[in-house]
């Protein structure tokens, strides 16, 4: 994207040389360059709304398209992950599709295990420690794509005392870690 200075320089280059020292002409060019730069910023902002990964104020429109209730209180990244999940969650439900949907929310790796005999699907969060902050959204998205007769179990990883000792934590450091920190994957 061109800066205001680049635009001013280009506009001045197009002027005949005898306007170089004419203050009113230079003033007009400078004001027009400001407006063009502002217009470029506005155009790029509108263009960014056409893509889920860059949308900000346009997320409400994406949510409307996919039938997702708009919750302005949620962080933008969580709202984007819900939209991406809806976009990915189309087609025949396979373990790979369930993985894609869950990974869109978690931004980490998950594994999906099917137990067809007991109508059970287990989703294990492999690269995330603790419970993901948007677990409710993940559950809703998985429930939307999964057939109604299947149950879903979620498996989370936590820090163990042995893990903390293995990375060199002393007892005093471990004792200072709160349960909430461990529960939400912030133990180290």
N, C-alpha and C. Protein backbone atom coordinates (compact mmCIF):
# COMPACT_ATOMS: atom_id res chain seq x y z
N UNK A 1 0.85 -1.17 0.00
CA UNK A 1 0.00 0.00 0.00
C UNK A 1 0.90 1.24 0.00
N UNK A 2 0.54 2.17 -0.83
CA UNK A 2 1.33 3.40 -0.95
C UNK A 2 1.03 4.33 0.21
N UNK A 3 2.08 4.96 0.72
CA UNK A 3 1.92 5.91 1.81
C UNK A 3 1.53 7.28 1.25
N UNK A 4 1.15 8.15 2.17
CA UNK A 4 0.77 9.50 1.77
C UNK A 4 1.95 10.20 1.12
N UNK A 5 3.15 10.00 1.66
CA UNK A 5 4.35 10.63 1.10
C UNK A 5 4.60 10.13 -0.33
N UNK A 6 4.40 8.84 -0.58
CA UNK A 6 4.58 8.29 -1.93
C UNK A 6 3.58 8.92 -2.90
N UNK A 7 2.35 9.06 -2.44
CA UNK A 7 1.31 9.64 -3.30
C UNK A 7 1.63 11.11 -3.59
N UNK A 8 2.05 11.84 -2.56
CA UNK A 8 2.41 13.25 -2.77
C UNK A 8 3.56 13.38 -3.76
N UNK A 9 4.57 12.55 -3.58
CA UNK A 9 5.73 12.60 -4.48
C UNK A 9 5.31 12.32 -5.92
N UNK A 10 4.47 11.31 -6.11
CA UNK A 10 4.02 10.97 -7.46
C UNK A 10 3.19 12.10 -8.06
N UNK A 11 2.32 12.70 -7.26
CA UNK A 11 1.49 13.79 -7.78
C UNK A 11 2.32 15.01 -8.14
N UNK A 12 3.32 15.32 -7.30
CA UNK A 12 4.20 16.45 -7.61
C UNK A 12 5.03 16.16 -8.86
N UNK A 13 5.40 14.91 -9.08
CA UNK A 13 6.18 14.55 -10.28
C UNK A 13 5.37 14.77 -11.56
N UNK A 14 4.04 14.66 -11.47
CA UNK A 14 3.21 14.85 -12.66
C UNK A 14 2.97 16.33 -12.98
N UNK A 15 3.24 17.20 -12.02
CA UNK A 15 3.03 18.63 -12.25
C UNK A 15 4.14 19.19 -13.16
N UNK A 16 3.79 20.17 -13.97
CA UNK A 16 4.86 20.87 -14.72
C UNK A 16 5.81 21.56 -13.74
N UNK A 17 7.05 21.72 -14.13
CA UNK A 17 8.08 22.28 -13.24
C UNK A 17 7.77 23.69 -12.79
N UNK A 18 7.03 24.47 -13.58
CA UNK A 18 6.77 25.85 -13.17
C UNK A 18 5.80 25.92 -11.99
N UNK A 19 5.18 24.80 -11.57
CA UNK A 19 4.32 24.79 -10.38
C UNK A 19 5.11 24.46 -9.11
N UNK A 20 6.38 24.19 -9.22
CA UNK A 20 7.19 23.77 -8.09
C UNK A 20 7.15 24.78 -6.95
N UNK A 21 7.21 26.04 -7.24
CA UNK A 21 7.24 27.06 -6.20
C UNK A 21 5.90 27.75 -5.98
N UNK A 22 4.82 27.25 -6.56
CA UNK A 22 3.50 27.86 -6.41
C UNK A 22 2.83 27.23 -5.18
N UNK A 23 2.74 27.99 -4.11
CA UNK A 23 2.22 27.49 -2.83
C UNK A 23 0.79 26.97 -2.93
N UNK A 24 -0.16 27.70 -3.57
CA UNK A 24 -1.52 27.16 -3.65
C UNK A 24 -1.58 25.82 -4.38
N UNK A 25 -0.81 25.66 -5.43
CA UNK A 25 -0.82 24.39 -6.18
C UNK A 25 -0.27 23.25 -5.31
N UNK A 26 0.81 23.53 -4.60
CA UNK A 26 1.40 22.52 -3.72
C UNK A 26 0.45 22.16 -2.58
N UNK A 27 -0.27 23.17 -2.08
CA UNK A 27 -1.23 22.93 -1.00
C UNK A 27 -2.37 22.03 -1.49
N UNK A 28 -2.87 22.30 -2.69
CA UNK A 28 -3.94 21.47 -3.26
C UNK A 28 -3.46 20.03 -3.43
N UNK A 29 -2.26 19.86 -3.97
CA UNK A 29 -1.70 18.52 -4.18
C UNK A 29 -1.56 17.79 -2.83
N UNK A 30 -1.07 18.48 -1.81
CA UNK A 30 -0.88 17.85 -0.50
C UNK A 30 -2.21 17.42 0.12
N UNK A 31 -3.25 18.28 0.01
CA UNK A 31 -4.57 17.92 0.56
C UNK A 31 -5.17 16.75 -0.22
N UNK A 32 -5.03 16.75 -1.53
CA UNK A 32 -5.56 15.65 -2.33
C UNK A 32 -4.82 14.34 -2.01
N UNK A 33 -3.53 14.42 -1.78
CA UNK A 33 -2.75 13.23 -1.42
C UNK A 33 -3.24 12.65 -0.09
N UNK A 34 -3.57 13.52 0.86
CA UNK A 34 -4.13 13.06 2.14
C UNK A 34 -5.43 12.30 1.92
N UNK A 35 -6.30 12.87 1.09
CA UNK A 35 -7.59 12.24 0.82
C UNK A 35 -7.42 10.90 0.10
N UNK A 36 -6.52 10.87 -0.86
CA UNK A 36 -6.29 9.62 -1.61
C UNK A 36 -5.71 8.56 -0.68
N UNK A 37 -4.80 8.93 0.21
CA UNK A 37 -4.23 7.98 1.17
C UNK A 37 -5.32 7.45 2.10
N UNK A 38 -6.20 8.34 2.57
CA UNK A 38 -7.31 7.91 3.43
C UNK A 38 -8.26 6.98 2.68
N UNK A 39 -8.50 7.29 1.42
CA UNK A 39 -9.35 6.44 0.59
C UNK A 39 -8.72 5.07 0.39
N UNK A 40 -7.42 5.02 0.15
CA UNK A 40 -6.72 3.75 0.01
C UNK A 40 -6.83 2.90 1.27
N UNK A 41 -6.70 3.54 2.43
CA UNK A 41 -6.83 2.82 3.70
C UNK A 41 -8.23 2.25 3.84
N UNK A 42 -9.24 3.05 3.51
CA UNK A 42 -10.63 2.59 3.61
C UNK A 42 -10.91 1.44 2.64
N UNK A 43 -10.38 1.53 1.43
CA UNK A 43 -10.58 0.47 0.44
C UNK A 43 -9.92 -0.82 0.91
N UNK A 44 -8.70 -0.73 1.44
CA UNK A 44 -8.03 -1.93 1.93
C UNK A 44 -8.74 -2.53 3.13
N UNK A 45 -9.34 -1.69 3.97
CA UNK A 45 -10.10 -2.18 5.12
C UNK A 45 -11.33 -2.95 4.65
N UNK A 46 -12.03 -2.41 3.67
CA UNK A 46 -13.20 -3.12 3.12
C UNK A 46 -12.76 -4.43 2.47
N UNK A 47 -11.67 -4.41 1.74
CA UNK A 47 -11.16 -5.63 1.11
C UNK A 47 -10.82 -6.69 2.15
N UNK A 48 -10.28 -6.29 3.29
CA UNK A 48 -9.93 -7.23 4.36
C UNK A 48 -11.15 -7.96 4.90
N UNK A 49 -12.33 -7.35 4.81
CA UNK A 49 -13.54 -7.98 5.33
C UNK A 49 -14.03 -9.15 4.46
N UNK A 50 -13.47 -9.28 3.27
CA UNK A 50 -13.86 -10.36 2.38
C UNK A 50 -13.18 -11.68 2.72
N UNK A 51 -12.25 -11.66 3.66
CA UNK A 51 -11.50 -12.85 4.05
C UNK A 51 -11.65 -13.07 5.55
N UNK A 52 -11.98 -14.29 5.94
CA UNK A 52 -12.23 -14.59 7.35
C UNK A 52 -11.01 -14.27 8.21
N UNK A 53 -9.82 -14.58 7.71
CA UNK A 53 -8.61 -14.41 8.53
C UNK A 53 -8.25 -12.95 8.77
N UNK A 54 -8.77 -12.02 7.98
CA UNK A 54 -8.46 -10.61 8.17
C UNK A 54 -9.68 -9.77 8.54
N UNK A 55 -10.85 -10.36 8.52
CA UNK A 55 -12.07 -9.60 8.82
C UNK A 55 -12.08 -9.14 10.28
N UNK A 56 -12.61 -7.97 10.51
CA UNK A 56 -12.79 -7.45 11.87
C UNK A 56 -14.25 -7.03 12.03
N UNK A 57 -14.59 -5.84 11.56
CA UNK A 57 -15.97 -5.39 11.69
C UNK A 57 -16.91 -6.15 10.76
N UNK A 58 -16.38 -6.86 9.78
CA UNK A 58 -17.19 -7.65 8.86
C UNK A 58 -17.49 -9.05 9.37
N UNK A 59 -16.99 -9.42 10.55
CA UNK A 59 -17.26 -10.76 11.08
C UNK A 59 -18.75 -10.99 11.31
N UNK A 60 -19.47 -9.94 11.66
CA UNK A 60 -20.92 -10.08 11.88
C UNK A 60 -21.61 -10.55 10.61
N UNK A 61 -21.16 -10.07 9.48
CA UNK A 61 -21.74 -10.50 8.19
C UNK A 61 -21.41 -11.97 7.94
N UNK A 62 -20.17 -12.38 8.20
CA UNK A 62 -19.80 -13.79 8.04
C UNK A 62 -20.64 -14.67 8.97
N UNK A 63 -20.83 -14.22 10.20
CA UNK A 63 -21.63 -14.99 11.15
C UNK A 63 -23.08 -15.10 10.67
N UNK A 64 -23.59 -14.04 10.09
CA UNK A 64 -24.95 -14.07 9.55
C UNK A 64 -25.05 -15.07 8.40
N UNK A 65 -24.05 -15.10 7.53
CA UNK A 65 -24.05 -16.02 6.40
C UNK A 65 -24.10 -17.47 6.87
N UNK A 66 -23.36 -17.78 7.94
CA UNK A 66 -23.30 -19.16 8.42
C UNK A 66 -24.30 -19.47 9.51
N UNK A 67 -25.16 -18.51 9.84
CA UNK A 67 -26.19 -18.75 10.85
C UNK A 67 -25.64 -18.85 12.26
N UNK A 68 -24.58 -18.12 12.54
CA UNK A 68 -23.95 -18.12 13.86
C UNK A 68 -24.41 -16.88 14.60
N UNK A 69 -24.87 -17.03 15.85
CA UNK A 69 -25.24 -15.83 16.61
C UNK A 69 -24.02 -14.95 16.86
N UNK A 70 -24.17 -13.67 16.65
CA UNK A 70 -23.06 -12.73 16.84
C UNK A 70 -22.90 -12.41 18.31
N UNK A 71 -21.68 -12.60 18.81
CA UNK A 71 -21.36 -12.28 20.20
C UNK A 71 -20.15 -11.37 20.20
N UNK A 72 -20.40 -10.06 20.29
CA UNK A 72 -19.34 -9.07 20.23
C UNK A 72 -18.39 -9.17 21.43
N UNK A 73 -18.82 -9.84 22.50
CA UNK A 73 -17.98 -9.96 23.69
C UNK A 73 -16.84 -10.95 23.49
N UNK A 74 -16.98 -11.85 22.54
CA UNK A 74 -15.93 -12.84 22.29
C UNK A 74 -14.75 -12.18 21.58
N UNK A 75 -13.54 -12.68 21.84
CA UNK A 75 -12.38 -12.17 21.10
C UNK A 75 -12.53 -12.47 19.61
N UNK A 76 -11.94 -11.62 18.78
CA UNK A 76 -12.04 -11.76 17.33
C UNK A 76 -11.53 -13.11 16.86
N UNK A 77 -10.43 -13.59 17.44
CA UNK A 77 -9.87 -14.88 17.01
C UNK A 77 -10.84 -16.02 17.27
N UNK A 78 -11.56 -15.98 18.37
CA UNK A 78 -12.54 -17.03 18.65
C UNK A 78 -13.69 -16.95 17.66
N UNK A 79 -14.13 -15.74 17.35
CA UNK A 79 -15.22 -15.59 16.38
C UNK A 79 -14.78 -16.10 15.01
N UNK A 80 -13.53 -15.81 14.63
CA UNK A 80 -13.02 -16.31 13.35
C UNK A 80 -12.97 -17.83 13.34
N UNK A 81 -12.56 -18.42 14.46
CA UNK A 81 -12.44 -19.87 14.49
C UNK A 81 -13.81 -20.53 14.37
N UNK A 82 -14.85 -19.91 14.92
CA UNK A 82 -16.21 -20.46 14.77
C UNK A 82 -16.62 -20.43 13.30
N UNK A 83 -16.33 -19.33 12.63
CA UNK A 83 -16.68 -19.20 11.20
C UNK A 83 -15.90 -20.21 10.37
N UNK A 84 -14.59 -20.33 10.63
CA UNK A 84 -13.77 -21.29 9.88
C UNK A 84 -14.28 -22.71 10.09
N UNK A 85 -14.69 -23.00 11.31
CA UNK A 85 -15.20 -24.33 11.61
C UNK A 85 -16.47 -24.62 10.83
N UNK A 86 -17.36 -23.64 10.76
CA UNK A 86 -18.59 -23.82 9.98
C UNK A 86 -18.27 -24.04 8.50
N UNK A 87 -17.28 -23.33 8.02
CA UNK A 87 -16.88 -23.45 6.63
C UNK A 87 -16.30 -24.84 6.35
N UNK A 88 -15.52 -25.36 7.30
CA UNK A 88 -14.90 -26.68 7.13
C UNK A 88 -15.88 -27.82 7.38
N UNK A 89 -16.90 -27.57 8.17
CA UNK A 89 -17.80 -28.63 8.61
C UNK A 89 -18.88 -29.00 7.62
N UNK A 90 -18.54 -29.05 6.35
CA UNK A 90 -19.52 -29.39 5.33
C UNK A 90 -19.09 -30.70 4.68
N UNK A 91 -20.03 -31.62 4.53
CA UNK A 91 -19.70 -32.88 3.87
C UNK A 91 -19.99 -34.06 4.77
N UNK A 92 -19.53 -35.23 4.33
CA UNK A 92 -19.71 -36.46 5.08
C UNK A 92 -18.87 -36.39 6.35
N UNK A 93 -19.47 -36.79 7.46
CA UNK A 93 -18.77 -36.71 8.73
C UNK A 93 -17.80 -37.88 8.86
N UNK A 94 -16.53 -37.56 8.86
CA UNK A 94 -15.47 -38.54 9.02
C UNK A 94 -14.58 -38.07 10.17
N UNK A 95 -13.73 -38.95 10.69
CA UNK A 95 -12.79 -38.48 11.72
C UNK A 95 -11.93 -37.31 11.24
N UNK A 96 -11.55 -37.32 9.98
CA UNK A 96 -10.74 -36.22 9.45
C UNK A 96 -11.52 -34.91 9.48
N UNK A 97 -12.80 -34.93 9.15
CA UNK A 97 -13.62 -33.72 9.19
C UNK A 97 -13.77 -33.23 10.63
N UNK A 98 -13.99 -34.15 11.55
CA UNK A 98 -14.11 -33.76 12.96
C UNK A 98 -12.81 -33.13 13.44
N UNK A 99 -11.68 -33.70 13.04
CA UNK A 99 -10.37 -33.12 13.40
C UNK A 99 -10.23 -31.71 12.85
N UNK A 100 -10.61 -31.52 11.59
CA UNK A 100 -10.49 -30.18 10.98
C UNK A 100 -11.32 -29.16 11.74
N UNK A 101 -12.54 -29.55 12.11
CA UNK A 101 -13.42 -28.62 12.82
C UNK A 101 -12.85 -28.30 14.20
N UNK A 102 -12.42 -29.31 14.93
CA UNK A 102 -11.88 -29.08 16.27
C UNK A 102 -10.59 -28.28 16.22
N UNK A 103 -9.74 -28.55 15.23
CA UNK A 103 -8.48 -27.82 15.11
C UNK A 103 -8.70 -26.36 14.72
N UNK A 104 -9.80 -26.08 14.01
CA UNK A 104 -10.11 -24.70 13.65
C UNK A 104 -10.36 -23.87 14.91
N UNK A 105 -10.92 -24.48 15.93
CA UNK A 105 -11.19 -23.76 17.18
C UNK A 105 -9.97 -23.70 18.08
N UNK A 106 -9.28 -24.82 18.18
CA UNK A 106 -8.21 -24.95 19.16
C UNK A 106 -6.89 -24.38 18.67
N UNK A 107 -6.72 -24.24 17.36
CA UNK A 107 -5.45 -23.83 16.77
C UNK A 107 -4.32 -24.73 17.24
N UNK A 108 -4.62 -26.00 17.42
CA UNK A 108 -3.65 -27.00 17.83
C UNK A 108 -4.03 -28.33 17.23
N UNK A 109 -3.29 -29.35 17.61
CA UNK A 109 -3.56 -30.68 17.07
C UNK A 109 -4.54 -31.44 17.96
N UNK A 110 -5.43 -32.17 17.30
CA UNK A 110 -6.35 -33.06 18.00
C UNK A 110 -6.34 -34.41 17.29
N UNK A 111 -6.72 -35.44 18.03
CA UNK A 111 -6.93 -36.75 17.41
C UNK A 111 -8.36 -37.17 17.69
N UNK A 112 -8.93 -37.86 16.73
CA UNK A 112 -10.31 -38.32 16.86
C UNK A 112 -10.31 -39.84 16.78
N UNK A 113 -10.93 -40.45 17.77
CA UNK A 113 -11.03 -41.91 17.82
C UNK A 113 -12.50 -42.30 17.80
N UNK A 114 -12.84 -43.18 16.89
CA UNK A 114 -14.21 -43.66 16.79
C UNK A 114 -14.34 -45.01 17.50
N UNK A 115 -15.43 -45.18 18.20
CA UNK A 115 -15.78 -46.49 18.76
C UNK A 115 -17.19 -46.78 18.26
N UNK A 116 -17.25 -47.35 17.06
CA UNK A 116 -18.53 -47.56 16.40
C UNK A 116 -19.45 -48.50 17.16
N UNK A 117 -18.88 -49.47 17.85
CA UNK A 117 -19.71 -50.44 18.57
C UNK A 117 -20.51 -49.78 19.69
N UNK A 118 -19.93 -48.77 20.34
CA UNK A 118 -20.65 -48.10 21.43
C UNK A 118 -21.13 -46.70 21.02
N UNK A 119 -21.08 -46.39 19.72
CA UNK A 119 -21.56 -45.10 19.20
C UNK A 119 -20.90 -43.93 19.92
N UNK A 120 -19.59 -43.97 19.98
CA UNK A 120 -18.85 -42.99 20.75
C UNK A 120 -17.72 -42.41 19.90
N UNK A 121 -17.49 -41.11 20.03
CA UNK A 121 -16.36 -40.43 19.39
C UNK A 121 -15.58 -39.73 20.50
N UNK A 122 -14.26 -39.95 20.52
CA UNK A 122 -13.40 -39.31 21.52
C UNK A 122 -12.47 -38.34 20.82
N UNK A 123 -12.49 -37.11 21.29
CA UNK A 123 -11.61 -36.07 20.74
C UNK A 123 -10.56 -35.75 21.80
N UNK A 124 -9.29 -35.96 21.44
CA UNK A 124 -8.18 -35.73 22.36
C UNK A 124 -7.39 -34.52 21.90
N UNK A 125 -7.22 -33.57 22.79
CA UNK A 125 -6.44 -32.38 22.49
C UNK A 125 -4.97 -32.71 22.74
N UNK A 126 -4.21 -32.85 21.66
CA UNK A 126 -2.84 -33.34 21.75
C UNK A 126 -1.86 -32.22 22.09
N UNK A 127 -1.96 -31.10 21.42
CA UNK A 127 -0.95 -30.04 21.59
C UNK A 127 -1.38 -28.94 22.55
N UNK A 128 -2.56 -29.05 23.13
CA UNK A 128 -3.05 -28.04 24.06
C UNK A 128 -3.07 -28.62 25.46
N UNK A 129 -2.50 -27.89 26.40
CA UNK A 129 -2.58 -28.31 27.79
C UNK A 129 -3.72 -27.58 28.46
N UNK A 130 -4.52 -28.29 29.23
CA UNK A 130 -5.67 -27.70 29.89
C UNK A 130 -6.87 -27.67 28.96
N UNK A 131 -7.86 -26.93 29.37
CA UNK A 131 -9.11 -26.84 28.61
C UNK A 131 -9.04 -25.62 27.71
N UNK A 132 -9.34 -25.78 26.40
CA UNK A 132 -9.34 -24.62 25.50
C UNK A 132 -10.34 -23.57 25.97
N UNK A 133 -10.03 -22.29 25.77
CA UNK A 133 -10.91 -21.23 26.27
C UNK A 133 -12.28 -21.20 25.59
N UNK A 134 -12.38 -21.73 24.40
CA UNK A 134 -13.67 -21.70 23.69
C UNK A 134 -14.24 -23.12 23.54
N UNK A 135 -14.16 -23.90 24.60
CA UNK A 135 -14.65 -25.28 24.56
C UNK A 135 -16.14 -25.34 24.23
N UNK A 136 -16.91 -24.39 24.72
CA UNK A 136 -18.34 -24.38 24.42
C UNK A 136 -18.60 -24.27 22.92
N UNK A 137 -17.82 -23.44 22.24
CA UNK A 137 -17.95 -23.31 20.79
C UNK A 137 -17.56 -24.60 20.08
N UNK A 138 -16.49 -25.23 20.57
CA UNK A 138 -16.04 -26.49 19.96
C UNK A 138 -17.14 -27.54 20.10
N UNK A 139 -17.70 -27.64 21.30
CA UNK A 139 -18.77 -28.62 21.53
C UNK A 139 -19.96 -28.37 20.61
N UNK A 140 -20.35 -27.11 20.48
CA UNK A 140 -21.50 -26.77 19.63
C UNK A 140 -21.22 -27.11 18.17
N UNK A 141 -20.02 -26.81 17.69
CA UNK A 141 -19.69 -27.09 16.29
C UNK A 141 -19.64 -28.58 16.02
N UNK A 142 -19.04 -29.32 16.93
CA UNK A 142 -18.98 -30.79 16.76
C UNK A 142 -20.38 -31.37 16.81
N UNK A 143 -21.19 -30.89 17.73
CA UNK A 143 -22.56 -31.39 17.85
C UNK A 143 -23.36 -31.09 16.58
N UNK A 144 -23.07 -29.95 15.94
CA UNK A 144 -23.77 -29.58 14.70
C UNK A 144 -23.49 -30.55 13.56
N UNK A 145 -22.25 -31.04 13.46
CA UNK A 145 -21.90 -31.89 12.32
C UNK A 145 -22.04 -33.37 12.61
N UNK A 146 -22.04 -33.75 13.89
CA UNK A 146 -22.08 -35.16 14.25
C UNK A 146 -23.51 -35.68 14.21
N UNK A 147 -23.72 -36.90 13.74
CA UNK A 147 -25.07 -37.49 13.81
C UNK A 147 -25.54 -37.57 15.26
N UNK A 148 -26.84 -37.47 15.45
CA UNK A 148 -27.41 -37.36 16.79
C UNK A 148 -27.21 -38.61 17.64
N UNK A 149 -27.03 -39.77 17.02
CA UNK A 149 -26.91 -41.00 17.81
C UNK A 149 -25.51 -41.21 18.40
N UNK A 150 -24.56 -40.37 18.04
CA UNK A 150 -23.19 -40.50 18.55
C UNK A 150 -22.97 -39.60 19.76
N UNK A 151 -22.25 -40.13 20.74
CA UNK A 151 -21.87 -39.30 21.89
C UNK A 151 -20.43 -38.84 21.69
N UNK A 152 -20.11 -37.72 22.31
CA UNK A 152 -18.78 -37.14 22.16
C UNK A 152 -18.13 -37.05 23.53
N UNK A 153 -16.88 -37.51 23.60
CA UNK A 153 -16.08 -37.36 24.81
C UNK A 153 -14.86 -36.53 24.47
N UNK A 154 -14.48 -35.66 25.37
CA UNK A 154 -13.30 -34.82 25.19
C UNK A 154 -12.25 -35.24 26.19
N UNK A 155 -11.01 -35.37 25.72
CA UNK A 155 -9.89 -35.73 26.59
C UNK A 155 -8.90 -34.58 26.54
N UNK A 156 -8.51 -34.12 27.73
CA UNK A 156 -7.59 -33.00 27.85
C UNK A 156 -6.28 -33.47 28.48
N UNK A 157 -5.21 -32.78 28.17
CA UNK A 157 -3.90 -33.06 28.76
C UNK A 157 -3.62 -32.00 29.82
N UNK A 158 -3.01 -32.43 30.91
CA UNK A 158 -2.64 -31.53 31.99
C UNK A 158 -1.19 -31.76 32.37
N UNK A 159 -0.63 -30.81 33.10
CA UNK A 159 0.71 -30.99 33.66
C UNK A 159 0.63 -31.98 34.81
N UNK A 160 1.55 -32.89 34.86
CA UNK A 160 1.68 -33.79 35.99
C UNK A 160 2.87 -33.33 36.83
N UNK A 161 2.84 -33.70 38.09
CA UNK A 161 3.94 -33.34 38.98
C UNK A 161 5.26 -33.86 38.40
N UNK A 162 5.25 -35.06 37.86
CA UNK A 162 6.46 -35.65 37.29
C UNK A 162 6.96 -34.83 36.09
N UNK A 163 6.03 -34.28 35.28
CA UNK A 163 6.43 -33.44 34.15
C UNK A 163 7.15 -32.18 34.63
N UNK A 164 6.62 -31.58 35.68
CA UNK A 164 7.22 -30.36 36.20
C UNK A 164 8.59 -30.63 36.81
N UNK A 165 8.74 -31.74 37.50
CA UNK A 165 10.04 -32.13 38.07
C UNK A 165 11.02 -32.40 36.93
N UNK A 166 10.55 -33.06 35.87
CA UNK A 166 11.42 -33.43 34.75
C UNK A 166 11.99 -32.21 34.03
N UNK A 167 11.29 -31.09 34.03
CA UNK A 167 11.80 -29.90 33.35
C UNK A 167 12.61 -29.01 34.31
N UNK A 168 12.86 -29.53 35.53
CA UNK A 168 13.75 -28.82 36.44
C UNK A 168 13.08 -27.88 37.41
N UNK A 169 11.78 -27.98 37.59
CA UNK A 169 11.10 -27.12 38.56
C UNK A 169 11.41 -27.60 39.98
N UNK A 170 11.65 -26.67 40.87
CA UNK A 170 11.87 -26.98 42.29
C UNK A 170 10.52 -27.01 42.99
N UNK A 171 10.49 -27.62 44.16
CA UNK A 171 9.24 -27.76 44.89
C UNK A 171 8.60 -26.40 45.17
N UNK A 172 9.41 -25.41 45.53
CA UNK A 172 8.87 -24.08 45.84
C UNK A 172 8.21 -23.46 44.60
N UNK A 173 8.81 -23.67 43.42
CA UNK A 173 8.22 -23.15 42.18
C UNK A 173 6.92 -23.87 41.85
N UNK A 174 6.91 -25.17 42.08
CA UNK A 174 5.70 -25.96 41.81
C UNK A 174 4.59 -25.56 42.77
N UNK A 175 4.94 -25.34 44.04
CA UNK A 175 3.94 -24.96 45.04
C UNK A 175 3.33 -23.60 44.73
N UNK A 176 4.07 -22.73 44.02
CA UNK A 176 3.56 -21.40 43.68
C UNK A 176 2.58 -21.43 42.52
N UNK A 177 2.54 -22.54 41.78
CA UNK A 177 1.62 -22.65 40.65
C UNK A 177 0.22 -22.94 41.18
N UNK A 178 -0.74 -22.16 40.75
CA UNK A 178 -2.12 -22.35 41.22
C UNK A 178 -2.82 -23.45 40.44
N UNK A 179 -3.87 -23.95 41.02
CA UNK A 179 -4.67 -24.97 40.35
C UNK A 179 -5.23 -24.43 39.04
N UNK A 180 -5.65 -23.17 39.04
CA UNK A 180 -6.20 -22.55 37.82
C UNK A 180 -5.15 -22.52 36.72
N UNK A 181 -3.89 -22.23 37.08
CA UNK A 181 -2.82 -22.22 36.08
C UNK A 181 -2.64 -23.60 35.45
N UNK A 182 -2.64 -24.62 36.29
CA UNK A 182 -2.49 -25.98 35.78
C UNK A 182 -3.69 -26.38 34.93
N UNK A 183 -4.87 -26.04 35.40
CA UNK A 183 -6.12 -26.40 34.73
C UNK A 183 -6.20 -25.79 33.33
N UNK A 184 -5.69 -24.57 33.19
CA UNK A 184 -5.76 -23.86 31.92
C UNK A 184 -4.46 -23.93 31.13
N UNK A 185 -3.56 -24.84 31.51
CA UNK A 185 -2.36 -25.07 30.73
C UNK A 185 -1.27 -24.03 30.89
N UNK A 186 -1.27 -23.31 32.03
CA UNK A 186 -0.25 -22.28 32.23
C UNK A 186 0.71 -22.67 33.35
N UNK A 187 1.00 -23.94 33.51
CA UNK A 187 1.80 -24.41 34.64
C UNK A 187 3.27 -24.13 34.51
N UNK A 188 3.77 -23.93 33.31
CA UNK A 188 5.20 -23.75 33.15
C UNK A 188 5.50 -22.30 32.88
